[in-house]
Every structure is written in C-alpha cells, then in structure tokens.
Protein backbone atom coordinates (compact mmCIF):
# COMPACT_ATOMS: atom_id res chain seq x y z
CA MET A 1 99.05 109.89 102.51
CA LYS A 2 102.39 109.44 104.58
CA PHE A 3 103.74 112.24 106.19
CA ALA A 4 107.90 112.19 107.13
CA PHE A 5 110.92 114.77 108.27
CA PHE A 6 114.27 115.19 106.78
CA MET A 7 116.84 116.69 108.99
CA MET A 8 120.13 117.74 108.12
CA PRO A 9 120.58 118.28 110.68
CA LEU A 10 121.43 122.47 110.38
CA HIS A 11 123.16 123.68 113.72
CA THR A 12 125.15 126.85 113.94
CA PRO A 13 128.32 126.19 114.89
CA ASN A 14 128.27 128.12 118.13
CA GLU A 15 126.19 126.05 119.66
CA ASN A 16 126.94 122.99 122.15
CA PRO A 17 127.48 119.97 119.97
CA SER A 18 126.29 117.14 122.27
CA LEU A 19 122.83 119.15 123.55
CA ALA A 20 121.68 119.84 119.71
CA PHE A 21 121.82 115.68 119.41
CA GLU A 22 120.17 115.04 122.22
CA ARG A 23 117.29 118.07 121.13
CA ASP A 24 117.42 116.06 117.97
CA ILE A 25 117.16 112.55 119.13
CA ASP A 26 114.00 114.41 121.29
CA MET A 27 112.46 115.47 118.27
CA ILE A 28 112.30 112.37 116.25
CA ASN A 29 110.18 110.77 119.60
CA TYR A 30 108.03 114.18 119.44
CA ALA A 31 107.38 113.16 115.59
CA GLU A 32 106.55 109.48 116.48
CA LYS A 33 104.14 110.76 119.25
CA LEU A 34 102.64 113.06 116.80
CA GLY A 35 101.56 110.12 114.47
CA PHE A 36 104.29 110.94 111.91
CA ASP A 37 105.53 108.29 109.66
CA GLU A 38 108.99 108.46 108.74
CA TYR A 39 112.51 110.29 109.60
CA PHE A 40 115.41 110.64 108.18
CA ILE A 41 118.89 111.65 108.39
CA GLY A 42 120.99 113.51 106.76
CA GLU A 43 125.15 112.67 106.47
CA HIS A 44 128.29 115.35 106.45
CA HIS A 45 131.02 115.97 107.30
CA SER A 46 132.68 119.21 107.01
CA ALA A 47 131.54 123.26 107.21
CA ALA A 48 130.25 122.81 111.04
CA TRP A 49 126.83 123.31 109.97
CA GLU A 50 125.38 120.05 109.61
CA ASN A 51 127.54 118.08 111.63
CA MET A 52 126.25 114.39 112.06
CA PRO A 53 128.88 112.15 110.99
CA THR A 54 127.22 109.11 110.87
CA PRO A 55 123.27 108.85 110.60
CA GLU A 56 122.50 105.52 111.14
CA LEU A 57 124.12 105.69 114.98
CA VAL A 58 121.34 108.89 115.76
CA LEU A 59 118.65 106.03 114.65
CA ALA A 60 120.16 103.16 116.40
CA LYS A 61 120.03 105.31 119.52
CA ALA A 62 116.28 106.81 118.40
CA SER A 63 114.75 103.72 117.60
CA ALA A 64 115.27 102.21 121.33
CA THR A 65 112.63 105.05 122.45
CA ALA A 66 111.02 105.97 118.85
CA THR A 67 109.27 102.32 118.38
CA ARG A 68 107.13 102.73 115.90
CA ILE A 69 108.52 105.21 113.10
CA THR A 70 110.19 103.93 109.76
CA LEU A 71 114.03 105.06 110.12
CA GLY A 72 116.27 106.35 107.16
CA THR A 73 119.02 108.35 106.21
CA GLY A 74 118.96 111.04 103.97
CA VAL A 75 121.28 110.55 102.90
CA VAL A 76 124.31 108.25 102.65
CA SER A 77 127.13 109.58 100.83
CA LEU A 78 128.40 106.40 98.79
CA PRO A 79 131.28 107.82 97.65
CA PHE A 80 132.90 107.91 100.95
CA HIS A 81 132.43 104.60 102.34
CA HIS A 82 132.71 101.10 101.23
CA PRO A 83 130.07 99.24 99.66
CA PHE A 84 130.17 96.42 101.53
CA HIS A 85 130.76 98.33 104.90
CA VAL A 86 127.26 100.18 104.20
CA ALA A 87 125.33 97.27 102.79
CA GLU A 88 126.65 95.27 106.20
CA ARG A 89 125.69 98.09 108.84
CA PHE A 90 122.38 98.91 107.68
CA ALA A 91 121.34 94.98 107.02
CA PHE A 92 122.54 95.21 111.06
CA LEU A 93 120.27 98.02 111.72
CA ASP A 94 117.43 96.78 110.23
CA HIS A 95 117.44 94.03 112.19
CA LEU A 96 117.63 96.58 115.39
CA THR A 97 114.66 98.42 114.44
CA ARG A 98 112.63 95.41 113.31
CA GLY A 99 112.38 96.24 109.47
CA ARG A 100 111.84 99.94 109.91
CA THR A 101 115.27 101.27 108.15
CA VAL A 102 115.29 102.94 104.86
CA LEU A 103 118.57 103.14 103.19
CA GLY A 104 118.71 106.51 101.80
CA VAL A 105 121.77 107.22 99.40
CA GLY A 106 123.35 109.77 97.21
CA PRO A 107 126.52 111.10 95.66
CA SER A 108 127.08 113.84 98.26
CA GLY A 109 125.42 116.98 98.29
CA LEU A 110 127.84 119.53 100.27
CA PRO A 111 130.51 120.88 98.39
CA THR A 112 132.69 120.33 100.94
CA ASP A 113 132.62 117.21 101.78
CA PRO A 114 134.17 115.44 98.41
CA GLN A 115 136.95 118.34 98.52
CA ARG A 116 137.67 116.42 102.59
CA PHE A 117 137.85 113.21 100.40
CA LYS A 118 139.77 114.57 97.33
CA ILE A 119 136.89 113.05 95.19
CA PRO A 120 136.80 114.87 91.98
CA PRO A 121 133.16 116.33 91.56
CA LYS A 122 132.89 114.56 87.83
CA ASP A 123 133.33 111.15 89.28
CA LEU A 124 130.41 111.44 92.66
CA ASN A 125 127.54 110.28 90.31
CA ALA A 126 129.39 107.26 88.81
CA MET A 127 130.78 106.54 92.40
CA MET A 128 127.37 106.13 93.49
CA ARG A 129 125.94 104.19 90.92
CA GLU A 130 128.54 101.41 91.15
CA SER A 131 128.25 101.10 94.73
CA THR A 132 124.64 101.29 94.86
CA ASP A 133 124.77 98.14 92.39
CA ILE A 134 126.88 96.31 94.67
CA ILE A 135 125.25 97.24 97.63
CA VAL A 136 122.13 95.69 96.03
CA LYS A 137 123.57 92.83 95.01
CA LEU A 138 124.93 91.95 98.48
CA LEU A 139 121.79 92.28 100.20
CA GLU A 140 120.03 90.50 97.78
CA SER A 141 122.10 87.24 97.22
CA PRO A 142 122.38 84.82 99.82
CA ASP A 143 125.96 83.52 98.40
CA PRO A 144 128.92 85.25 97.75
CA ILE A 145 129.21 87.66 94.94
CA SER A 146 132.20 89.47 92.61
CA TYR A 147 132.68 92.76 91.29
CA ASP A 148 135.21 94.50 89.34
CA GLY A 149 133.82 97.63 88.97
CA LYS A 150 136.08 100.91 88.03
CA TYR A 151 135.71 102.30 91.68
CA TRP A 152 135.35 99.14 93.90
CA THR A 153 136.32 95.25 93.36
CA ILE A 154 135.18 93.00 95.47
CA ASP A 155 135.63 88.95 95.27
CA GLU A 156 133.32 86.15 96.78
CA MET A 157 132.19 88.63 99.13
CA ALA A 158 128.49 87.54 101.31
CA LEU A 159 126.52 89.57 104.37
CA GLN A 160 126.61 87.06 106.90
CA LEU A 161 123.21 88.29 107.67
CA ARG A 162 121.35 89.82 105.55
CA SER A 163 118.15 93.12 105.82
CA TYR A 164 115.56 91.93 108.47
CA GLN A 165 112.91 93.28 105.39
CA GLN A 166 113.01 90.35 102.69
CA PRO A 167 114.17 90.58 99.84
CA ARG A 168 116.21 93.19 100.89
CA LEU A 169 115.44 96.57 102.81
CA LYS A 170 114.39 99.87 100.97
CA LEU A 171 116.16 102.23 99.05
CA ALA A 172 115.91 105.63 99.06
CA THR A 173 117.37 108.71 96.81
CA PRO A 174 116.84 112.83 96.30
CA SER A 175 115.89 114.17 93.15
CA ALA A 176 115.91 117.92 91.69
CA GLY A 177 114.37 116.47 88.81
CA SER A 178 116.83 115.22 86.57
CA LYS A 179 116.83 112.67 84.02
CA ARG A 180 119.66 110.91 85.73
CA SER A 181 118.32 110.95 89.09
CA LEU A 182 114.83 109.78 87.57
CA ASP A 183 116.56 106.99 86.28
CA PHE A 184 118.22 105.69 89.79
CA VAL A 185 114.97 105.94 91.25
CA ALA A 186 113.17 103.80 88.08
CA GLN A 187 115.96 101.16 88.17
CA TYR A 188 115.96 99.92 92.14
CA GLU A 189 112.39 100.69 92.89
CA MET A 190 113.82 103.43 95.33
CA MET A 191 112.05 106.06 96.90
CA MET A 192 112.38 109.11 95.90
CA PHE A 193 112.60 112.57 97.53
CA SER A 194 111.75 115.41 95.08
CA ILE A 195 111.95 119.28 96.13
CA ALA A 196 108.69 121.00 96.22
CA GLY A 197 110.17 124.43 94.38
CA SER A 198 111.88 125.46 91.74
CA GLY A 199 114.91 122.95 90.65
CA PRO A 200 117.80 123.75 88.04
CA PRO A 201 117.15 124.92 84.63
CA ASP A 202 117.26 121.27 83.18
CA ALA A 203 115.11 119.78 85.43
CA VAL A 204 112.16 117.64 84.76
CA PRO A 205 109.11 119.57 86.25
CA LEU A 206 106.94 118.21 89.40
CA ALA A 207 104.20 117.38 87.36
CA ARG A 208 106.07 115.01 85.03
CA GLN A 209 108.14 113.35 87.19
CA TRP A 210 106.38 110.57 88.04
CA ASP A 211 105.93 109.19 84.69
CA GLU A 212 109.80 109.56 83.79
CA VAL A 213 110.28 107.36 86.77
CA VAL A 214 107.56 105.11 85.32
CA ASP A 215 109.28 105.33 81.90
CA ALA A 216 112.34 104.94 82.64
CA SER A 217 111.33 101.15 84.82
CA ALA A 218 110.51 99.63 81.38
CA LYS A 219 113.74 99.24 80.15
CA TYR A 220 115.18 97.95 83.62
CA GLY A 221 111.98 95.72 84.23
CA THR A 222 111.29 96.69 87.66
CA SER A 223 108.18 98.29 89.25
CA PRO A 224 108.29 101.89 91.04
CA ASN A 225 105.61 102.56 93.54
CA LYS A 226 104.37 105.91 93.63
CA ASP A 227 103.26 105.39 97.27
CA ASP A 228 106.93 106.04 97.65
CA TRP A 229 107.23 109.21 95.69
CA ARG A 230 107.82 111.79 98.99
CA VAL A 231 107.68 115.56 98.31
CA VAL A 232 110.16 117.51 100.45
CA THR A 233 109.70 121.55 101.59
CA TYR A 234 110.49 123.58 104.50
CA ILE A 235 106.99 124.13 106.34
CA HIS A 236 106.33 126.42 109.40
CA LEU A 237 103.05 127.01 111.10
CA ALA A 238 101.30 129.53 113.87
CA ASP A 239 97.92 130.29 114.65
CA THR A 240 98.25 133.42 112.18
CA ARG A 241 99.44 133.96 109.08
CA GLU A 242 101.56 137.08 109.99
CA GLU A 243 102.65 135.35 113.43
CA ALA A 244 104.38 132.06 111.26
CA PHE A 245 105.80 134.32 109.00
CA GLU A 246 107.51 136.99 111.98
CA GLN A 247 108.63 133.89 113.48
CA ALA A 248 110.07 132.14 110.77
CA ARG A 249 112.11 134.91 108.86
CA HIS A 250 115.46 136.06 111.12
CA GLY A 251 116.08 132.67 110.94
CA ALA A 252 115.50 131.36 107.61
CA VAL A 253 116.97 134.70 106.54
CA ARG A 254 120.20 133.94 108.79
CA ASP A 255 120.22 130.43 107.04
CA VAL A 256 120.16 131.41 103.75
CA HIS A 257 122.50 134.22 103.93
CA ASN A 258 124.79 133.00 106.16
CA TYR A 259 124.92 129.49 105.42
CA PHE A 260 123.62 128.25 101.88
CA TYR A 261 125.61 131.41 100.42
CA THR A 262 128.62 130.29 101.33
CA ILE A 263 128.14 126.59 100.77
CA ASN A 264 126.48 127.04 97.67
CA THR A 265 127.10 130.59 96.21
CA PRO A 266 123.79 133.10 96.60
CA ARG A 267 123.27 132.13 92.46
CA SER A 268 120.58 129.23 93.12
CA TRP A 269 118.76 131.56 95.60
CA LEU A 270 118.47 134.59 93.71
CA ILE A 271 114.99 135.31 91.60
CA ARG A 272 117.08 137.74 89.18
CA PRO A 273 120.07 136.88 87.53
CA ASP A 274 121.23 140.42 88.54
CA GLN A 275 119.57 140.60 92.33
CA ASN A 276 121.91 141.70 94.74
CA PRO A 277 122.03 138.42 97.25
CA ALA A 278 122.13 141.39 100.24
CA ASP A 279 118.78 141.97 98.97
CA LEU A 280 117.03 138.52 98.73
CA THR A 281 114.00 139.01 100.93
CA PHE A 282 111.99 136.11 103.03
CA GLU A 283 108.93 135.75 100.79
CA GLU A 284 111.25 135.73 97.54
CA ILE A 285 112.60 132.56 99.24
CA VAL A 286 109.10 130.92 100.32
CA GLY A 287 107.86 131.97 96.97
CA LYS A 288 110.73 130.57 94.53
CA ARG A 289 110.97 127.56 97.17
CA ARG A 290 107.45 127.08 97.56
CA TRP A 291 107.91 126.79 101.30
CA ILE A 292 105.07 126.60 103.31
CA ILE A 293 104.26 129.35 106.04
CA GLY A 294 101.32 130.11 107.68
CA THR A 295 98.47 128.62 109.40
CA PRO A 296 97.40 125.25 108.93
CA ASP A 297 94.17 125.87 106.42
CA ASP A 298 97.09 127.75 104.32
CA ALA A 299 98.98 124.07 104.23
CA ILE A 300 95.91 122.00 103.42
CA GLU A 301 95.90 124.50 100.97
CA GLN A 302 99.26 124.58 99.21
CA ILE A 303 99.81 121.22 99.79
CA GLU A 304 96.46 120.34 97.91
CA GLU A 305 97.83 122.26 94.90
CA ILE A 306 101.16 119.93 95.18
CA VAL A 307 99.22 117.09 95.04
CA GLU A 308 96.78 118.09 91.87
CA GLU A 309 99.80 118.99 90.27
CA ALA A 310 102.05 115.87 90.86
CA GLY A 311 99.46 114.16 89.56
CA GLY A 312 99.18 112.54 93.24
CA ILE A 313 101.79 112.06 95.76
CA GLY A 314 102.56 109.21 98.71
CA GLY A 315 103.33 111.49 101.04
CA LEU A 316 104.85 114.87 101.81
CA MET A 317 108.15 115.40 104.08
CA LEU A 318 109.11 118.49 106.06
CA THR A 319 112.67 120.11 106.39
CA THR A 320 113.34 120.46 109.94
CA HIS A 321 115.17 124.04 111.01
CA GLU A 322 115.65 126.18 113.78
CA TRP A 323 114.83 129.39 112.78
CA MET A 324 112.97 130.16 116.03
CA PRO A 325 112.62 128.62 119.87
CA MET A 326 112.14 125.13 120.04
CA ARG A 327 108.42 126.18 121.81
CA HIS A 328 107.40 127.30 118.45
CA VAL A 329 108.49 124.23 116.46
CA MET A 330 106.84 121.96 118.33
CA TYR A 331 103.59 123.59 118.19
CA SER A 332 103.96 124.16 114.57
CA GLN A 333 104.16 120.67 114.39
CA GLU A 334 101.60 119.80 116.93
CA LEU A 335 99.08 122.40 114.27
CA PHE A 336 99.76 120.10 111.68
CA ALA A 337 99.36 116.62 113.31
CA ARG A 338 96.39 118.03 114.27
CA TYR A 339 94.39 119.59 111.09
CA VAL A 340 96.89 118.58 108.37
CA MET A 341 97.69 115.25 108.50
CA PRO A 342 94.07 114.06 109.63
CA ARG A 343 92.58 115.75 105.97
CA PHE A 344 95.01 114.00 103.84
CA ARG A 345 94.54 110.65 105.87
CA GLY A 346 90.73 110.75 105.44
CA HIS A 347 90.31 110.66 109.74
CA THR A 348 88.35 113.80 110.13
CA ALA A 349 86.20 113.26 107.08
CA ASP A 350 83.08 111.29 108.72
CA LEU A 351 83.44 113.41 111.50
CA GLU A 352 83.18 116.48 109.05
CA ARG A 353 79.89 115.42 107.67
CA GLU A 354 78.01 113.99 111.04
CA TRP A 355 78.87 117.80 111.95
CA GLU A 356 77.35 118.92 109.09
CA ARG A 357 74.43 116.93 109.13
CA THR A 358 73.98 118.31 112.69
CA LYS A 359 74.01 121.58 111.68
CA GLN A 360 71.69 121.06 108.59
CA ASP A 361 69.29 118.93 111.26
CA ARG A 362 69.41 121.90 113.79
CA ALA A 363 68.55 124.84 110.92
CA HIS A 364 65.45 122.27 109.48
CA GLY A 365 64.49 121.33 113.60
CA ARG A 366 65.10 118.16 113.79
CA ILE A 367 67.03 118.40 116.94
CA PRO A 368 64.69 117.89 119.87
CA ASN A 369 64.86 120.95 121.71
CA ILE A 370 66.45 119.72 125.60
CA THR A 371 66.67 122.87 126.71
CA GLY A 372 63.11 123.37 127.63
CA PRO A 373 60.23 122.03 129.46
CA ASN A 374 61.15 118.45 129.54
CA ASP A 375 58.02 117.32 127.63
CA GLY A 376 59.41 115.39 124.55
CA THR A 377 58.71 118.10 121.94
CA LEU A 378 60.54 118.94 119.06
CA ASN A 379 61.57 122.97 118.32
CA ASP A 380 58.43 122.89 116.11
CA GLY A 381 55.81 121.85 118.57
CA LYS A 382 55.51 118.22 117.35
CA LYS A 383 55.44 115.58 119.42
CA SER A 384 58.61 113.13 119.31
CA ASN A 385 58.59 109.68 120.69
CA THR A 386 63.03 109.87 121.03
CA PHE A 387 62.65 111.53 124.68
CA VAL A 388 60.05 109.75 127.59
CA LYS A 389 59.20 111.19 130.56
CA VAL A 390 60.31 110.39 133.88
C-alpha cells in the first residue's frame, strides 16, 4: 500500500507566509525521510488561508532535496489556465524530477477562486474536461494538434519537449463520489483521491466507487489501475487516544468554525439539518468525516475497516494540518511511519511471526538457559548440543 500526503496548505492569515512556505517544504523532506511515497499540494488564489498559487514551483524547489518521493498537484484548477501552458509546465517539471511528477487536476474547489476569475460555477466542470482533453493530446502526440473547443482553441500546437514519463505522465483528480468524477477517472486512467467520510447525498458509496470506475472504463476502452486509488482523511496520532484528541481539538475546531464555515457555509459539516453550527463538536466532526484521531493501533484498526469496505485500495492519503505545535505534528507522522505503515506493507510480518515463535519456544522450554551455569542444559534439565563449553 502507498502512503501519501495532501497539503492544501492551510495557514492562518496572521502567520508569516514566507516562514510557512519554508516549513511546508521542510515537511516534504521529512515525509521522504519517514518513507512516505507521495506528496500533493493544492492551488488557490483567494481567501488567504490556502495561499499557494503555483504548487509546481514549490514541488520544483522541494525536488532538489527530496529526491525519491513522488510529487504532484492536488490540484491545478484547470479553468484558470491555458491548457498548453499546463501541459508544457508539467512536462518540464517531470524532467526536473526525473519522472516523479503527477498532474492532479480539478475544476476548482474553493468558491472564491472562480469568483475572482469571473467564471460562472456552471462552466467549471466542462472547462476542466475540455482542458484535460487538450492536455492529454499534447502530452501524447509527437505531432502538432488542433482543437476547436467551446472554451479553448489551439491550431497546430505541439510541445517541444514532452514528459519524462512515457507515453505521458500520470494524471489525478479528487472525487467526492459523484458519478461524473468517477467517469472522469475512467476516461483518462487517472489516480483517484476519494474522501473517506460521507459525501453528498447523491454520492456513490466508497464500497462501490471503484466498480463504477471500472464500469465507466468499458465505454472508453481504458484500463484504470486500482493501485492508483487513494482514500483521503485527516490523521493525528499520539501515545494515547486522550492525548491525540486534546492536541487536535482546538486547532481543528478553529479551522472548521472560522475558515470552512466561511468558505463553504456550515451546512455540509452539520450532523443534523436543525443543528446550531456553533454547537458542532470535535467528536461529531471526527465521526462524520471519518478522521483518524488516536493511537497507532486505532489507526491500524480504522484503516483496515476502510480497506475492507472499499474492497481494497491502492493507498491512503493524509491531509496535512497545523492544529497544534509542529513537534506534535511531526511526532504523529513519526508514529504513523513507525507503527502503521509497516503493518500495511508487510514489513513487520516476519518479525512478528519470529517473536511469536520465540515466545512459544520459551513457554515450552525450548530455549537454552544461558543465565545459569554454562553446562549446556535446557530449562527442563536436558542436555543440548547447541552450546559447547569453553
């Protein structure tokens, strides 16, 4: 199983942005040191909290020191960019990273961004689909292409340098479970980022989402790979469940009540339609959104539930946060890397089996007693030829 991070990033408006950006890059390097596989960064242009306008610049800088981890966008808002520029920039970034780039695309998830560009919300998805079609053609074709679309027209254009990965770099997109987004994944054999918690009322349940992708792929003649499916949630770990909840509580409630209520209105966060938004508790947020707050053992149990429900996934994506001092954030990620990731990669299976065999050997007197006289006897008094007197 792969393990990834999604970074919005989310910084409070009163913080020094230059220091925040440096810390973000440090965290990419820290993730690589811990053995995480992928890191994705979002793009936003308004509302102050999510304040990276060009994630590919951050990824390029990070790639100079983080030399193994896959780097991607989560996501480039395609309606705000000419598709030729997107294709060209990310083909170039793929060379700079020696094939470690993923182009995550979307229509724009922040309501204030299309407002800034004066794009009607009803056009966003169609613009994204058209742009993606052009980008894929540019990335795949060695010859100039023409495209006469509703939103973009290009005439005999070609990339002078296509991506390092051949036939093209991988694309990705988020999904809240809408059939439209699952169809989009199937059409271009994308990586898919599905939310772990409950989606909109008409969303396809997590258990059915990959089946929908496979069904949709039949009409396109594509072969999406389930290994490219990531399930996304917040995770914070500590030595005890109580510690984890107390460390996360204040910052998480601050982000939801101050930022997300303003950006998206409280409706999507509430448990009951008649609930007072001010009364929404941290525990209710955690439950509805399927956040994982607790110990490494709690995380293992909850991830296993997600994997079983989904019928298998390719990986888990952790949303970054700054709910508490960075020492707690880094310790949480360390705990996850030390105790959770190895369980799902099978890296501790042999050690755990060996320890169980050792305990059974001790219980049945099969381990030589080397704390007593060095006479080669076992616990049951029988002689062993394992040890030789010197």
